[in-house]
Amino acid sequence: MDEGRALFVQIAEQVEASVLDGTLEEGERAPSTNELAAFHRINPATAAKGINLLVDRGILVKRRGMGMFVADGAREVLRAERRRQFADHHIEPMLAEAGVLGLDVETVVELIRARGVPGRGVG
């Protein structure tokens, strides 16, 4: 666990990562608060707070008497959120710096294409 962020946020991020990478499929049962608490050796209330963040965002759904399950469409919701965060944290600052350097968007795109994405390529 990362000392810099609240434990409940880290729990939510861990479950999000599992949904994004397919470890937890849509419709599949998510780890319970007690399972998460035991695994991370934290208070179950802390784990519940992290899980409730995901419930509030529609990533997990409660099924009475059965537990928490990954909501239909959760993966795409998370991808859309991550895309927005990526644009806010990476693209916007990059374009601002490009403007300072006198680079237009087309030149930035050419620079990105020239570098490619490791293991995938771009374009």
N, C-alpha and C. Protein backbone atom coordinates (compact mmCIF):
# COMPACT_ATOMS: atom_id res chain seq x y z
N MET A 1 0.84 -1.19 0.00
CA MET A 1 0.00 0.00 0.00
C MET A 1 0.89 1.25 0.00
N ASP A 2 0.35 2.30 -0.57
CA ASP A 2 1.06 3.57 -0.72
C ASP A 2 0.76 4.47 0.47
N GLU A 3 1.79 4.88 1.17
CA GLU A 3 1.63 5.71 2.35
C GLU A 3 1.04 7.09 2.04
N GLY A 4 1.13 7.53 0.78
CA GLY A 4 0.72 8.88 0.42
C GLY A 4 -0.77 9.09 0.23
N ARG A 5 -1.53 8.01 0.05
CA ARG A 5 -2.96 8.14 -0.19
C ARG A 5 -3.74 7.34 0.84
N ALA A 6 -4.95 7.78 1.08
CA ALA A 6 -5.81 7.10 2.06
C ALA A 6 -6.00 5.63 1.66
N LEU A 7 -6.02 4.76 2.66
CA LEU A 7 -6.16 3.33 2.40
C LEU A 7 -7.44 2.99 1.65
N PHE A 8 -8.54 3.64 2.01
CA PHE A 8 -9.80 3.31 1.34
C PHE A 8 -9.75 3.68 -0.15
N VAL A 9 -9.03 4.74 -0.49
CA VAL A 9 -8.86 5.13 -1.89
C VAL A 9 -8.03 4.07 -2.61
N GLN A 10 -6.98 3.58 -1.95
CA GLN A 10 -6.14 2.55 -2.54
C GLN A 10 -6.91 1.26 -2.77
N ILE A 11 -7.80 0.92 -1.85
CA ILE A 11 -8.64 -0.27 -2.00
C ILE A 11 -9.51 -0.10 -3.24
N ALA A 12 -10.15 1.06 -3.38
CA ALA A 12 -10.99 1.32 -4.55
C ALA A 12 -10.17 1.23 -5.83
N GLU A 13 -8.98 1.81 -5.82
CA GLU A 13 -8.12 1.78 -7.01
C GLU A 13 -7.69 0.36 -7.37
N GLN A 14 -7.45 -0.46 -6.36
CA GLN A 14 -7.06 -1.85 -6.61
C GLN A 14 -8.20 -2.61 -7.29
N VAL A 15 -9.41 -2.42 -6.81
CA VAL A 15 -10.56 -3.09 -7.41
C VAL A 15 -10.77 -2.54 -8.83
N GLU A 16 -10.64 -1.23 -9.01
CA GLU A 16 -10.76 -0.62 -10.35
C GLU A 16 -9.76 -1.26 -11.31
N ALA A 17 -8.52 -1.40 -10.87
CA ALA A 17 -7.48 -1.98 -11.72
C ALA A 17 -7.85 -3.40 -12.13
N SER A 18 -8.44 -4.15 -11.21
CA SER A 18 -8.86 -5.53 -11.52
C SER A 18 -9.98 -5.56 -12.55
N VAL A 19 -10.87 -4.57 -12.49
CA VAL A 19 -11.94 -4.48 -13.48
C VAL A 19 -11.35 -4.09 -14.84
N LEU A 20 -10.46 -3.12 -14.83
CA LEU A 20 -9.86 -2.65 -16.08
C LEU A 20 -9.04 -3.73 -16.78
N ASP A 21 -8.28 -4.50 -16.01
CA ASP A 21 -7.42 -5.51 -16.65
C ASP A 21 -8.14 -6.85 -16.88
N GLY A 22 -9.41 -6.92 -16.50
CA GLY A 22 -10.19 -8.12 -16.75
C GLY A 22 -10.09 -9.20 -15.68
N THR A 23 -9.30 -8.96 -14.64
CA THR A 23 -9.23 -9.93 -13.54
C THR A 23 -10.60 -10.10 -12.90
N LEU A 24 -11.33 -8.99 -12.78
CA LEU A 24 -12.72 -9.02 -12.33
C LEU A 24 -13.60 -8.68 -13.53
N GLU A 25 -14.39 -9.63 -13.97
CA GLU A 25 -15.27 -9.43 -15.12
C GLU A 25 -16.59 -8.82 -14.68
N GLU A 26 -17.25 -8.15 -15.61
CA GLU A 26 -18.58 -7.62 -15.32
C GLU A 26 -19.51 -8.77 -14.93
N GLY A 27 -20.28 -8.56 -13.89
CA GLY A 27 -21.19 -9.59 -13.38
C GLY A 27 -20.55 -10.52 -12.36
N GLU A 28 -19.24 -10.44 -12.22
CA GLU A 28 -18.52 -11.32 -11.28
C GLU A 28 -18.57 -10.73 -9.87
N ARG A 29 -18.55 -11.61 -8.89
CA ARG A 29 -18.53 -11.19 -7.49
C ARG A 29 -17.20 -10.53 -7.17
N ALA A 30 -17.26 -9.37 -6.54
CA ALA A 30 -16.06 -8.64 -6.11
C ALA A 30 -15.66 -9.14 -4.72
N PRO A 31 -14.40 -8.92 -4.34
CA PRO A 31 -14.00 -9.31 -2.99
C PRO A 31 -14.85 -8.57 -1.94
N SER A 32 -15.16 -9.28 -0.88
CA SER A 32 -15.94 -8.66 0.20
C SER A 32 -15.05 -7.73 1.02
N THR A 33 -15.70 -6.90 1.81
CA THR A 33 -14.93 -6.00 2.67
C THR A 33 -14.09 -6.80 3.66
N ASN A 34 -14.63 -7.91 4.14
CA ASN A 34 -13.87 -8.74 5.08
C ASN A 34 -12.67 -9.40 4.40
N GLU A 35 -12.85 -9.85 3.16
CA GLU A 35 -11.73 -10.44 2.42
C GLU A 35 -10.63 -9.39 2.18
N LEU A 36 -11.04 -8.20 1.77
CA LEU A 36 -10.07 -7.13 1.53
C LEU A 36 -9.37 -6.73 2.82
N ALA A 37 -10.14 -6.64 3.89
CA ALA A 37 -9.56 -6.27 5.18
C ALA A 37 -8.54 -7.30 5.65
N ALA A 38 -8.89 -8.56 5.52
CA ALA A 38 -7.97 -9.63 5.94
C ALA A 38 -6.72 -9.63 5.07
N PHE A 39 -6.88 -9.49 3.77
CA PHE A 39 -5.75 -9.52 2.85
C PHE A 39 -4.78 -8.37 3.13
N HIS A 40 -5.33 -7.17 3.35
CA HIS A 40 -4.49 -5.98 3.55
C HIS A 40 -4.20 -5.68 5.02
N ARG A 41 -4.79 -6.49 5.89
CA ARG A 41 -4.63 -6.30 7.33
C ARG A 41 -5.03 -4.88 7.75
N ILE A 42 -6.26 -4.54 7.36
CA ILE A 42 -6.82 -3.24 7.70
C ILE A 42 -8.19 -3.44 8.33
N ASN A 43 -8.73 -2.39 8.88
CA ASN A 43 -10.05 -2.43 9.49
C ASN A 43 -11.10 -2.66 8.40
N PRO A 44 -12.06 -3.55 8.63
CA PRO A 44 -13.12 -3.78 7.64
C PRO A 44 -13.89 -2.50 7.27
N ALA A 45 -14.01 -1.57 8.20
CA ALA A 45 -14.70 -0.31 7.90
C ALA A 45 -13.93 0.49 6.85
N THR A 46 -12.62 0.40 6.87
CA THR A 46 -11.80 1.09 5.86
C THR A 46 -12.01 0.45 4.50
N ALA A 47 -12.01 -0.87 4.46
CA ALA A 47 -12.26 -1.58 3.21
C ALA A 47 -13.65 -1.25 2.69
N ALA A 48 -14.63 -1.20 3.59
CA ALA A 48 -16.01 -0.89 3.20
C ALA A 48 -16.11 0.52 2.61
N LYS A 49 -15.35 1.44 3.16
CA LYS A 49 -15.36 2.81 2.64
C LYS A 49 -14.86 2.84 1.19
N GLY A 50 -13.82 2.06 0.90
CA GLY A 50 -13.31 1.96 -0.47
C GLY A 50 -14.32 1.33 -1.41
N ILE A 51 -14.95 0.25 -0.96
CA ILE A 51 -15.96 -0.43 -1.76
C ILE A 51 -17.14 0.50 -2.01
N ASN A 52 -17.53 1.25 -1.00
CA ASN A 52 -18.66 2.17 -1.15
C ASN A 52 -18.38 3.28 -2.15
N LEU A 53 -17.12 3.68 -2.29
CA LEU A 53 -16.77 4.65 -3.34
C LEU A 53 -17.14 4.09 -4.70
N LEU A 54 -16.87 2.81 -4.90
CA LEU A 54 -17.16 2.16 -6.17
C LEU A 54 -18.66 1.95 -6.38
N VAL A 55 -19.36 1.67 -5.31
CA VAL A 55 -20.83 1.53 -5.39
C VAL A 55 -21.44 2.88 -5.77
N ASP A 56 -20.96 3.94 -5.12
CA ASP A 56 -21.50 5.28 -5.40
C ASP A 56 -21.28 5.69 -6.86
N ARG A 57 -20.21 5.20 -7.47
CA ARG A 57 -19.89 5.54 -8.86
C ARG A 57 -20.50 4.55 -9.86
N GLY A 58 -21.20 3.53 -9.35
CA GLY A 58 -21.84 2.57 -10.24
C GLY A 58 -20.91 1.51 -10.79
N ILE A 59 -19.73 1.35 -10.19
CA ILE A 59 -18.77 0.34 -10.63
C ILE A 59 -19.14 -1.02 -10.03
N LEU A 60 -19.54 -0.99 -8.79
CA LEU A 60 -20.01 -2.21 -8.11
C LEU A 60 -21.48 -2.03 -7.74
N VAL A 61 -22.19 -3.15 -7.70
CA VAL A 61 -23.58 -3.14 -7.27
C VAL A 61 -23.74 -4.15 -6.14
N LYS A 62 -24.62 -3.80 -5.19
CA LYS A 62 -24.91 -4.70 -4.07
C LYS A 62 -26.06 -5.62 -4.46
N ARG A 63 -25.87 -6.90 -4.16
CA ARG A 63 -26.96 -7.86 -4.33
C ARG A 63 -27.25 -8.41 -2.95
N ARG A 64 -28.41 -8.08 -2.47
CA ARG A 64 -28.79 -8.44 -1.11
C ARG A 64 -28.55 -9.92 -0.82
N GLY A 65 -27.78 -10.15 0.24
CA GLY A 65 -27.50 -11.51 0.67
C GLY A 65 -26.46 -12.24 -0.15
N MET A 66 -25.95 -11.58 -1.20
CA MET A 66 -24.99 -12.25 -2.07
C MET A 66 -23.64 -11.54 -2.12
N GLY A 67 -23.63 -10.25 -1.85
CA GLY A 67 -22.37 -9.51 -1.87
C GLY A 67 -22.34 -8.43 -2.93
N MET A 68 -21.12 -8.03 -3.27
CA MET A 68 -20.89 -6.99 -4.26
C MET A 68 -20.49 -7.63 -5.58
N PHE A 69 -20.99 -7.06 -6.67
CA PHE A 69 -20.70 -7.57 -8.00
C PHE A 69 -20.29 -6.42 -8.91
N VAL A 70 -19.47 -6.74 -9.90
CA VAL A 70 -19.05 -5.74 -10.87
C VAL A 70 -20.26 -5.43 -11.75
N ALA A 71 -20.59 -4.15 -11.85
CA ALA A 71 -21.75 -3.71 -12.61
C ALA A 71 -21.54 -3.89 -14.10
N ASP A 72 -22.63 -4.12 -14.81
CA ASP A 72 -22.58 -4.14 -16.27
C ASP A 72 -22.12 -2.77 -16.75
N GLY A 73 -21.18 -2.74 -17.67
CA GLY A 73 -20.67 -1.49 -18.20
C GLY A 73 -19.59 -0.82 -17.36
N ALA A 74 -19.21 -1.46 -16.25
CA ALA A 74 -18.23 -0.85 -15.33
C ALA A 74 -16.88 -0.62 -16.00
N ARG A 75 -16.45 -1.56 -16.81
CA ARG A 75 -15.14 -1.43 -17.45
C ARG A 75 -15.10 -0.20 -18.36
N GLU A 76 -16.16 -0.01 -19.14
CA GLU A 76 -16.20 1.14 -20.04
C GLU A 76 -16.32 2.44 -19.26
N VAL A 77 -17.05 2.44 -18.16
CA VAL A 77 -17.14 3.64 -17.31
C VAL A 77 -15.75 4.00 -16.80
N LEU A 78 -15.01 3.00 -16.32
CA LEU A 78 -13.65 3.25 -15.82
C LEU A 78 -12.73 3.71 -16.93
N ARG A 79 -12.84 3.10 -18.10
CA ARG A 79 -12.00 3.54 -19.22
C ARG A 79 -12.29 5.00 -19.58
N ALA A 80 -13.56 5.37 -19.61
CA ALA A 80 -13.93 6.75 -19.94
C ALA A 80 -13.37 7.72 -18.89
N GLU A 81 -13.48 7.34 -17.61
CA GLU A 81 -12.91 8.18 -16.55
C GLU A 81 -11.40 8.32 -16.71
N ARG A 82 -10.73 7.21 -16.99
CA ARG A 82 -9.27 7.23 -17.16
C ARG A 82 -8.86 8.05 -18.38
N ARG A 83 -9.64 7.98 -19.44
CA ARG A 83 -9.33 8.79 -20.62
C ARG A 83 -9.41 10.28 -20.28
N ARG A 84 -10.46 10.65 -19.55
CA ARG A 84 -10.59 12.06 -19.13
C ARG A 84 -9.41 12.47 -18.25
N GLN A 85 -9.04 11.62 -17.31
CA GLN A 85 -7.90 11.91 -16.44
C GLN A 85 -6.61 12.01 -17.24
N PHE A 86 -6.44 11.12 -18.21
CA PHE A 86 -5.25 11.14 -19.06
C PHE A 86 -5.17 12.47 -19.80
N ALA A 87 -6.29 12.89 -20.38
CA ALA A 87 -6.31 14.16 -21.11
C ALA A 87 -5.99 15.32 -20.16
N ASP A 88 -6.61 15.33 -19.00
CA ASP A 88 -6.39 16.43 -18.04
C ASP A 88 -4.96 16.48 -17.53
N HIS A 89 -4.40 15.32 -17.21
CA HIS A 89 -3.09 15.28 -16.57
C HIS A 89 -1.91 15.21 -17.53
N HIS A 90 -2.14 14.75 -18.75
CA HIS A 90 -1.03 14.56 -19.68
C HIS A 90 -1.17 15.38 -20.96
N ILE A 91 -2.32 15.28 -21.61
CA ILE A 91 -2.49 15.94 -22.90
C ILE A 91 -2.53 17.46 -22.75
N GLU A 92 -3.36 17.95 -21.85
CA GLU A 92 -3.47 19.40 -21.67
C GLU A 92 -2.12 20.04 -21.33
N PRO A 93 -1.37 19.51 -20.34
CA PRO A 93 -0.05 20.10 -20.07
C PRO A 93 0.90 19.99 -21.26
N MET A 94 0.84 18.88 -21.98
CA MET A 94 1.71 18.71 -23.15
C MET A 94 1.39 19.76 -24.21
N LEU A 95 0.10 19.98 -24.46
CA LEU A 95 -0.28 20.98 -25.46
C LEU A 95 0.07 22.39 -25.01
N ALA A 96 -0.03 22.65 -23.71
CA ALA A 96 0.37 23.95 -23.20
C ALA A 96 1.86 24.17 -23.42
N GLU A 97 2.67 23.17 -23.14
CA GLU A 97 4.11 23.27 -23.36
C GLU A 97 4.42 23.40 -24.85
N ALA A 98 3.70 22.66 -25.67
CA ALA A 98 3.89 22.76 -27.12
C ALA A 98 3.62 24.19 -27.59
N GLY A 99 2.59 24.81 -27.04
CA GLY A 99 2.28 26.19 -27.41
C GLY A 99 3.40 27.13 -27.04
N VAL A 100 3.99 26.93 -25.85
CA VAL A 100 5.13 27.75 -25.42
C VAL A 100 6.29 27.59 -26.39
N LEU A 101 6.47 26.37 -26.90
CA LEU A 101 7.58 26.08 -27.82
C LEU A 101 7.26 26.44 -29.27
N GLY A 102 6.03 26.89 -29.51
CA GLY A 102 5.65 27.27 -30.87
C GLY A 102 5.30 26.09 -31.75
N LEU A 103 4.94 24.96 -31.15
CA LEU A 103 4.56 23.77 -31.92
C LEU A 103 3.05 23.73 -32.09
N ASP A 104 2.58 23.47 -33.31
CA ASP A 104 1.15 23.31 -33.51
C ASP A 104 0.76 21.85 -33.23
N VAL A 105 -0.53 21.61 -33.18
CA VAL A 105 -1.04 20.28 -32.84
C VAL A 105 -0.56 19.23 -33.84
N GLU A 106 -0.54 19.58 -35.12
CA GLU A 106 -0.11 18.61 -36.14
C GLU A 106 1.34 18.18 -35.89
N THR A 107 2.19 19.13 -35.50
CA THR A 107 3.59 18.79 -35.23
C THR A 107 3.70 17.89 -34.01
N VAL A 108 2.89 18.17 -32.99
CA VAL A 108 2.88 17.32 -31.79
C VAL A 108 2.44 15.90 -32.17
N VAL A 109 1.42 15.78 -32.99
CA VAL A 109 0.95 14.47 -33.44
C VAL A 109 2.05 13.75 -34.20
N GLU A 110 2.76 14.46 -35.07
CA GLU A 110 3.87 13.85 -35.81
C GLU A 110 4.96 13.36 -34.86
N LEU A 111 5.26 14.15 -33.83
CA LEU A 111 6.26 13.74 -32.85
C LEU A 111 5.82 12.47 -32.11
N ILE A 112 4.56 12.41 -31.77
CA ILE A 112 4.03 11.23 -31.08
C ILE A 112 4.09 10.02 -32.00
N ARG A 113 3.67 10.18 -33.24
CA ARG A 113 3.71 9.06 -34.20
C ARG A 113 5.15 8.57 -34.41
N ALA A 114 6.09 9.49 -34.44
CA ALA A 114 7.50 9.11 -34.65
C ALA A 114 8.04 8.27 -33.49
N ARG A 115 7.55 8.55 -32.30
CA ARG A 115 8.00 7.80 -31.12
C ARG A 115 7.27 6.48 -30.97
N GLY A 116 5.98 6.46 -31.34
CA GLY A 116 5.19 5.24 -31.20
C GLY A 116 4.91 4.92 -29.75
N VAL A 117 4.15 3.90 -29.55
CA VAL A 117 3.83 3.39 -28.22
C VAL A 117 4.55 2.06 -28.07
N PRO A 118 5.37 1.90 -27.04
CA PRO A 118 6.11 0.64 -26.87
C PRO A 118 5.17 -0.56 -26.96
N GLY A 119 5.52 -1.47 -27.86
CA GLY A 119 4.74 -2.70 -27.97
C GLY A 119 3.50 -2.59 -28.84
N ARG A 120 3.14 -1.37 -29.29
CA ARG A 120 1.90 -1.24 -30.07
C ARG A 120 2.05 -0.40 -31.32
N GLY A 121 2.82 0.64 -31.24
CA GLY A 121 2.83 1.60 -32.34
C GLY A 121 1.67 2.55 -32.20
N VAL A 122 1.66 3.61 -32.98
CA VAL A 122 0.60 4.61 -32.92
C VAL A 122 0.09 4.82 -34.33
N GLY A 123 -1.23 5.09 -34.42
CA GLY A 123 -1.80 5.48 -35.71
C GLY A 123 -2.29 4.37 -36.44
